[in-house]
């Protein structure tokens, strides 16, 4: 039985959405194709009707995850609000829904060059959006440093046991340092976080 092009597109989007979440939660190698397809509500036999390889899906899933994060940044009123959301326990406890940088930075280096390039493009978009919020041209160094601290704090917080005081301290102290830095530096009003 043939299905419509619209249904094929819808099914593909379901797989990409499921993969974007599962890859962030479990890593690229931690998720098998049958599990991806099951999460999308499809049979694993149809995978190659949509994607030429798991690598191709990984690229699309990363693009989707980065796009979702760009939308999140776009909803932030300002940089302090963005930082509070990013460096929160809620974000820490939801790797499948949160930033792909914090979820996949340690895993992506073992992926093919095309997946790493997609990761780099998304990370660069994040840096550029923070740079814009900081005032644009001339703020690249500060933006790179801020993004590195944000991502690192989440990664380290996730690496220690949930109930260990350091898990919360990493987030709180990184947030405090970033907010203190911003208080001493003029920030573009209503900075646009979309890359």
C-alpha atoms as a PDB file:
ATOM      1  CA  UNK A   1       0.000   0.000   0.000  1.00  0.00           C
ATOM      2  CA  UNK A   2       1.430   3.388  -1.014  1.00  0.00           C
ATOM      3  CA  UNK A   3       1.312   6.319   1.334  1.00  0.00           C
ATOM      4  CA  UNK A   4       1.045   9.966   0.393  1.00  0.00           C
ATOM      5  CA  UNK A   5       4.066  12.256   0.116  1.00  0.00           C
ATOM      6  CA  UNK A   6       2.669  14.240   3.027  1.00  0.00           C
ATOM      7  CA  UNK A   7       2.611  11.096   5.192  1.00  0.00           C
ATOM      8  CA  UNK A   8       6.170  10.197   4.118  1.00  0.00           C
ATOM      9  CA  UNK A   9       7.318  13.707   5.112  1.00  0.00           C
ATOM     10  CA  UNK A  10       5.450  13.455   8.408  1.00  0.00           C
ATOM     11  CA  UNK A  11       7.000  10.043   9.162  1.00  0.00           C
ATOM     12  CA  UNK A  12      10.478  11.356   8.363  1.00  0.00           C
ATOM     13  CA  UNK A  13       9.968  14.318  10.707  1.00  0.00           C
ATOM     14  CA  UNK A  14       8.837  11.947  13.463  1.00  0.00           C
ATOM     15  CA  UNK A  15      12.046   9.937  13.079  1.00  0.00           C
ATOM     16  CA  UNK A  16      14.211  13.087  13.105  1.00  0.00           C
ATOM     17  CA  UNK A  17      12.421  14.426  16.191  1.00  0.00           C
ATOM     18  CA  UNK A  18      12.772  11.112  18.032  1.00  0.00           C
ATOM     19  CA  UNK A  19      16.432  10.813  17.026  1.00  0.00           C
ATOM     20  CA  UNK A  20      17.215  14.379  18.135  1.00  0.00           C
ATOM     21  CA  UNK A  21      15.933  13.545  21.600  1.00  0.00           C
ATOM     22  CA  UNK A  22      17.341  10.031  21.874  1.00  0.00           C
ATOM     23  CA  UNK A  23      20.807  10.965  20.609  1.00  0.00           C
ATOM     24  CA  UNK A  24      21.024  13.775  23.163  1.00  0.00           C
ATOM     25  CA  UNK A  25      19.810  11.494  25.957  1.00  0.00           C
ATOM     26  CA  UNK A  26      21.825   8.359  25.099  1.00  0.00           C
ATOM     27  CA  UNK A  27      24.539   9.354  22.634  1.00  0.00           C
ATOM     28  CA  UNK A  28      24.857   8.438  18.977  1.00  0.00           C
ATOM     29  CA  UNK A  29      26.076   4.902  19.591  1.00  0.00           C
ATOM     30  CA  UNK A  30      23.718   4.359  22.511  1.00  0.00           C
ATOM     31  CA  UNK A  31      20.692   4.206  20.216  1.00  0.00           C
ATOM     32  CA  UNK A  32      20.050   1.502  17.621  1.00  0.00           C
ATOM     33  CA  UNK A  33      17.977   2.027  14.484  1.00  0.00           C
ATOM     34  CA  UNK A  34      15.123  -0.238  15.709  1.00  0.00           C
ATOM     35  CA  UNK A  35      14.886   1.830  18.913  1.00  0.00           C
ATOM     36  CA  UNK A  36      14.786   5.075  16.907  1.00  0.00           C
ATOM     37  CA  UNK A  37      12.050   3.810  14.662  1.00  0.00           C
ATOM     38  CA  UNK A  38      10.044   2.444  17.590  1.00  0.00           C
ATOM     39  CA  UNK A  39      10.273   5.816  19.349  1.00  0.00           C
ATOM     40  CA  UNK A  40       8.882   7.402  16.175  1.00  0.00           C
ATOM     41  CA  UNK A  41       6.045   4.863  16.119  1.00  0.00           C
ATOM     42  CA  UNK A  42       7.309   3.139  12.969  1.00  0.00           C
ATOM     43  CA  UNK A  43       8.807  -0.238  12.114  1.00  0.00           C
ATOM     44  CA  UNK A  44      12.566  -0.430  11.753  1.00  0.00           C
ATOM     45  CA  UNK A  45      12.268  -1.903   8.272  1.00  0.00           C
ATOM     46  CA  UNK A  46      11.269   1.489   6.902  1.00  0.00           C
ATOM     47  CA  UNK A  47      14.384   3.315   8.076  1.00  0.00           C
ATOM     48  CA  UNK A  48      16.189   3.175   4.727  1.00  0.00           C
ATOM     49  CA  UNK A  49      13.107   4.473   2.941  1.00  0.00           C
ATOM     50  CA  UNK A  50      13.811   7.766   4.735  1.00  0.00           C
ATOM     51  CA  UNK A  51      17.588   7.892   5.295  1.00  0.00           C
ATOM     52  CA  UNK A  52      20.600   6.552   3.463  1.00  0.00           C
ATOM     53  CA  UNK A  53      22.400   5.847   6.753  1.00  0.00           C
ATOM     54  CA  UNK A  54      22.395   6.442  10.479  1.00  0.00           C
ATOM     55  CA  UNK A  55      25.025   9.124   9.804  1.00  0.00           C
ATOM     56  CA  UNK A  56      22.577  10.982   7.558  1.00  0.00           C
ATOM     57  CA  UNK A  57      19.949  10.807  10.292  1.00  0.00           C
ATOM     58  CA  UNK A  58      22.460  12.007  12.879  1.00  0.00           C
ATOM     59  CA  UNK A  59      23.145  15.111  10.783  1.00  0.00           C
ATOM     60  CA  UNK A  60      19.428  15.888  10.403  1.00  0.00           C
ATOM     61  CA  UNK A  61      18.759  15.186  14.080  1.00  0.00           C
ATOM     62  CA  UNK A  62      21.539  17.577  15.084  1.00  0.00           C
ATOM     63  CA  UNK A  63      20.205  20.252  12.742  1.00  0.00           C
ATOM     64  CA  UNK A  64      16.770  19.800  14.311  1.00  0.00           C
ATOM     65  CA  UNK A  65      18.145  19.963  17.864  1.00  0.00           C
ATOM     66  CA  UNK A  66      20.140  23.108  17.101  1.00  0.00           C
ATOM     67  CA  UNK A  67      17.089  24.712  15.484  1.00  0.00           C
ATOM     68  CA  UNK A  68      15.040  23.958  18.600  1.00  0.00           C
ATOM     69  CA  UNK A  69      17.729  25.538  20.772  1.00  0.00           C
ATOM     70  CA  UNK A  70      17.804  28.626  18.536  1.00  0.00           C
ATOM     71  CA  UNK A  71      14.049  28.945  19.091  1.00  0.00           C
ATOM     72  CA  UNK A  72      14.623  28.668  22.857  1.00  0.00           C
ATOM     73  CA  UNK A  73      17.217  31.432  22.715  1.00  0.00           C
ATOM     74  CA  UNK A  74      14.793  33.511  20.659  1.00  0.00           C
ATOM     75  CA  UNK A  75      12.162  33.233  23.382  1.00  0.00           C
ATOM     76  CA  UNK A  76      14.524  34.568  26.053  1.00  0.00           C
ATOM     77  CA  UNK A  77      13.788  38.150  27.034  1.00  0.00           C
ATOM     78  CA  UNK A  78      17.482  38.870  27.552  1.00  0.00           C
ATOM     79  CA  UNK A  79      20.815  37.190  28.180  1.00  0.00           C
ATOM     80  CA  UNK A  80      20.375  36.858  31.963  1.00  0.00           C
ATOM     81  CA  UNK A  81      17.057  35.038  31.413  1.00  0.00           C
ATOM     82  CA  UNK A  82      18.732  32.756  28.876  1.00  0.00           C
ATOM     83  CA  UNK A  83      21.539  31.972  31.318  1.00  0.00           C
ATOM     84  CA  UNK A  84      19.083  31.205  34.131  1.00  0.00           C
ATOM     85  CA  UNK A  85      17.223  28.744  31.929  1.00  0.00           C
ATOM     86  CA  UNK A  86      20.329  27.137  30.481  1.00  0.00           C
ATOM     87  CA  UNK A  87      22.136  26.735  33.815  1.00  0.00           C
ATOM     88  CA  UNK A  88      19.130  25.264  35.616  1.00  0.00           C
ATOM     89  CA  UNK A  89      18.428  21.928  37.260  1.00  0.00           C
ATOM     90  CA  UNK A  90      15.590  21.440  34.766  1.00  0.00           C
ATOM     91  CA  UNK A  91      18.000  21.689  31.817  1.00  0.00           C
ATOM     92  CA  UNK A  92      20.532  19.526  33.633  1.00  0.00           C
ATOM     93  CA  UNK A  93      17.938  16.807  34.192  1.00  0.00           C
ATOM     94  CA  UNK A  94      16.582  16.813  30.621  1.00  0.00           C
ATOM     95  CA  UNK A  95      19.517  16.102  28.294  1.00  0.00           C
ATOM     96  CA  UNK A  96      17.191  14.787  25.587  1.00  0.00           C
ATOM     97  CA  UNK A  97      15.387  18.123  25.398  1.00  0.00           C
ATOM     98  CA  UNK A  98      18.252  20.512  26.156  1.00  0.00           C
ATOM     99  CA  UNK A  99      21.341  21.826  24.393  1.00  0.00           C
ATOM    100  CA  UNK A 100      23.042  19.415  21.969  1.00  0.00           C
ATOM    101  CA  UNK A 101      26.443  20.865  22.884  1.00  0.00           C
ATOM    102  CA  UNK A 102      26.169  19.798  26.519  1.00  0.00           C
ATOM    103  CA  UNK A 103      24.577  16.473  25.628  1.00  0.00           C
ATOM    104  CA  UNK A 104      26.852  15.419  22.771  1.00  0.00           C
ATOM    105  CA  UNK A 105      30.204  17.246  23.016  1.00  0.00           C
ATOM    106  CA  UNK A 106      31.961  14.194  24.441  1.00  0.00           C
ATOM    107  CA  UNK A 107      30.301  11.821  21.995  1.00  0.00           C
ATOM    108  CA  UNK A 108      30.448  13.716  18.707  1.00  0.00           C
ATOM    109  CA  UNK A 109      34.229  13.476  18.358  1.00  0.00           C
ATOM    110  CA  UNK A 110      33.823   9.757  17.587  1.00  0.00           C
ATOM    111  CA  UNK A 111      31.398  10.480  14.745  1.00  0.00           C
ATOM    112  CA  UNK A 112      32.167  10.944  11.045  1.00  0.00           C
ATOM    113  CA  UNK A 113      33.382  14.326   9.832  1.00  0.00           C
ATOM    114  CA  UNK A 114      29.980  15.249   8.387  1.00  0.00           C
ATOM    115  CA  UNK A 115      28.292  14.843  11.788  1.00  0.00           C
ATOM    116  CA  UNK A 116      31.072  16.791  13.498  1.00  0.00           C
ATOM    117  CA  UNK A 117      30.693  19.574  10.926  1.00  0.00           C
ATOM    118  CA  UNK A 118      26.951  19.788  11.600  1.00  0.00           C
ATOM    119  CA  UNK A 119      27.689  19.932  15.324  1.00  0.00           C
ATOM    120  CA  UNK A 120      30.247  22.709  14.753  1.00  0.00           C
ATOM    121  CA  UNK A 121      27.816  24.720  12.633  1.00  0.00           C
ATOM    122  CA  UNK A 122      25.175  24.572  15.373  1.00  0.00           C
ATOM    123  CA  UNK A 123      27.667  25.465  18.088  1.00  0.00           C
ATOM    124  CA  UNK A 124      28.917  28.384  16.007  1.00  0.00           C
ATOM    125  CA  UNK A 125      25.315  29.579  15.652  1.00  0.00           C
ATOM    126  CA  UNK A 126      24.965  29.485  19.430  1.00  0.00           C
ATOM    127  CA  UNK A 127      28.150  31.496  19.867  1.00  0.00           C
ATOM    128  CA  UNK A 128      27.026  34.023  17.249  1.00  0.00           C
ATOM    129  CA  UNK A 129      23.678  34.512  18.963  1.00  0.00           C
ATOM    130  CA  UNK A 130      25.378  35.128  22.314  1.00  0.00           C
ATOM    131  CA  UNK A 131      27.833  37.485  20.592  1.00  0.00           C
ATOM    132  CA  UNK A 132      24.891  39.440  19.157  1.00  0.00           C
ATOM    133  CA  UNK A 133      23.271  39.635  22.590  1.00  0.00           C
ATOM    134  CA  UNK A 134      26.539  40.960  24.013  1.00  0.00           C
ATOM    135  CA  UNK A 135      26.604  43.767  21.477  1.00  0.00           C
ATOM    136  CA  UNK A 136      27.811  42.177  18.249  1.00  0.00           C
ATOM    137  CA  UNK A 137      31.158  42.816  16.608  1.00  0.00           C
ATOM    138  CA  UNK A 138      34.023  42.790  19.081  1.00  0.00           C
ATOM    139  CA  UNK A 139      32.338  40.412  21.529  1.00  0.00           C
ATOM    140  CA  UNK A 140      33.309  37.082  19.934  1.00  0.00           C
ATOM    141  CA  UNK A 141      35.946  36.221  22.568  1.00  0.00           C
ATOM    142  CA  UNK A 142      33.521  36.892  25.407  1.00  0.00           C
ATOM    143  CA  UNK A 143      30.771  34.909  23.660  1.00  0.00           C
ATOM    144  CA  UNK A 144      33.027  31.884  23.083  1.00  0.00           C
ATOM    145  CA  UNK A 145      34.119  31.966  26.721  1.00  0.00           C
ATOM    146  CA  UNK A 146      30.564  32.261  27.977  1.00  0.00           C
ATOM    147  CA  UNK A 147      29.290  29.405  25.813  1.00  0.00           C
ATOM    148  CA  UNK A 148      32.218  27.204  26.881  1.00  0.00           C
ATOM    149  CA  UNK A 149      31.432  27.848  30.544  1.00  0.00           C
ATOM    150  CA  UNK A 150      27.712  27.244  30.051  1.00  0.00           C
ATOM    151  CA  UNK A 151      28.238  23.946  28.240  1.00  0.00           C
ATOM    152  CA  UNK A 152      31.001  22.822  30.579  1.00  0.00           C
ATOM    153  CA  UNK A 153      28.944  23.522  33.696  1.00  0.00           C
ATOM    154  CA  UNK A 154      26.022  21.448  32.424  1.00  0.00           C
ATOM    155  CA  UNK A 155      28.299  18.591  31.327  1.00  0.00           C
ATOM    156  CA  UNK A 156      30.141  18.479  34.657  1.00  0.00           C
ATOM    157  CA  UNK A 157      26.922  18.822  36.641  1.00  0.00           C
ATOM    158  CA  UNK A 158      25.504  15.814  34.790  1.00  0.00           C
ATOM    159  CA  UNK A 159      28.685  13.829  35.409  1.00  0.00           C
ATOM    160  CA  UNK A 160      28.391  13.875  39.202  1.00  0.00           C
ATOM    161  CA  UNK A 161      25.620  12.133  41.156  1.00  0.00           C
ATOM    162  CA  UNK A 162      22.360  14.089  41.257  1.00  0.00           C
ATOM    163  CA  UNK A 163      22.386  14.338  45.036  1.00  0.00           C
ATOM    164  CA  UNK A 164      26.016  15.466  45.295  1.00  0.00           C
ATOM    165  CA  UNK A 165      26.245  19.140  46.334  1.00  0.00           C
ATOM    166  CA  UNK A 166      28.695  19.801  43.488  1.00  0.00           C
ATOM    167  CA  UNK A 167      25.975  19.057  40.904  1.00  0.00           C
ATOM    168  CA  UNK A 168      24.047  22.141  41.987  1.00  0.00           C
ATOM    169  CA  UNK A 169      27.102  24.223  42.880  1.00  0.00           C
ATOM    170  CA  UNK A 170      28.508  23.916  39.348  1.00  0.00           C
ATOM    171  CA  UNK A 171      25.341  25.412  37.915  1.00  0.00           C
ATOM    172  CA  UNK A 172      24.824  28.077  40.568  1.00  0.00           C
ATOM    173  CA  UNK A 173      28.427  29.318  40.638  1.00  0.00           C
ATOM    174  CA  UNK A 174      28.709  29.406  36.842  1.00  0.00           C
ATOM    175  CA  UNK A 175      25.455  31.344  36.647  1.00  0.00           C
ATOM    176  CA  UNK A 176      26.590  33.767  39.357  1.00  0.00           C
ATOM    177  CA  UNK A 177      29.938  34.376  37.634  1.00  0.00           C
ATOM    178  CA  UNK A 178      28.262  34.942  34.262  1.00  0.00           C
ATOM    179  CA  UNK A 179      25.661  37.324  35.702  1.00  0.00           C
ATOM    180  CA  UNK A 180      28.379  39.218  37.598  1.00  0.00           C
ATOM    181  CA  UNK A 181      30.357  39.526  34.362  1.00  0.00           C
ATOM    182  CA  UNK A 182      27.302  40.839  32.514  1.00  0.00           C
ATOM    183  CA  UNK A 183      26.562  43.341  35.284  1.00  0.00           C
ATOM    184  CA  UNK A 184      29.966  44.891  34.628  1.00  0.00           C
ATOM    185  CA  UNK A 185      29.558  44.901  30.846  1.00  0.00           C
ATOM    186  CA  UNK A 186      26.875  46.648  28.797  1.00  0.00           C
ATOM    187  CA  UNK A 187      24.632  44.129  27.053  1.00  0.00           C
ATOM    188  CA  UNK A 188      22.593  44.811  23.932  1.00  0.00           C
ATOM    189  CA  UNK A 189      19.007  45.530  25.068  1.00  0.00           C
ATOM    190  CA  UNK A 190      16.635  42.688  24.218  1.00  0.00           C
ATOM    191  CA  UNK A 191      19.486  40.854  22.495  1.00  0.00           C
ATOM    192  CA  UNK A 192      18.393  38.579  19.669  1.00  0.00           C
ATOM    193  CA  UNK A 193      19.586  35.024  20.362  1.00  0.00           C
ATOM    194  CA  UNK A 194      18.629  33.565  17.011  1.00  0.00           C
ATOM    195  CA  UNK A 195      21.519  32.674  14.764  1.00  0.00           C
END
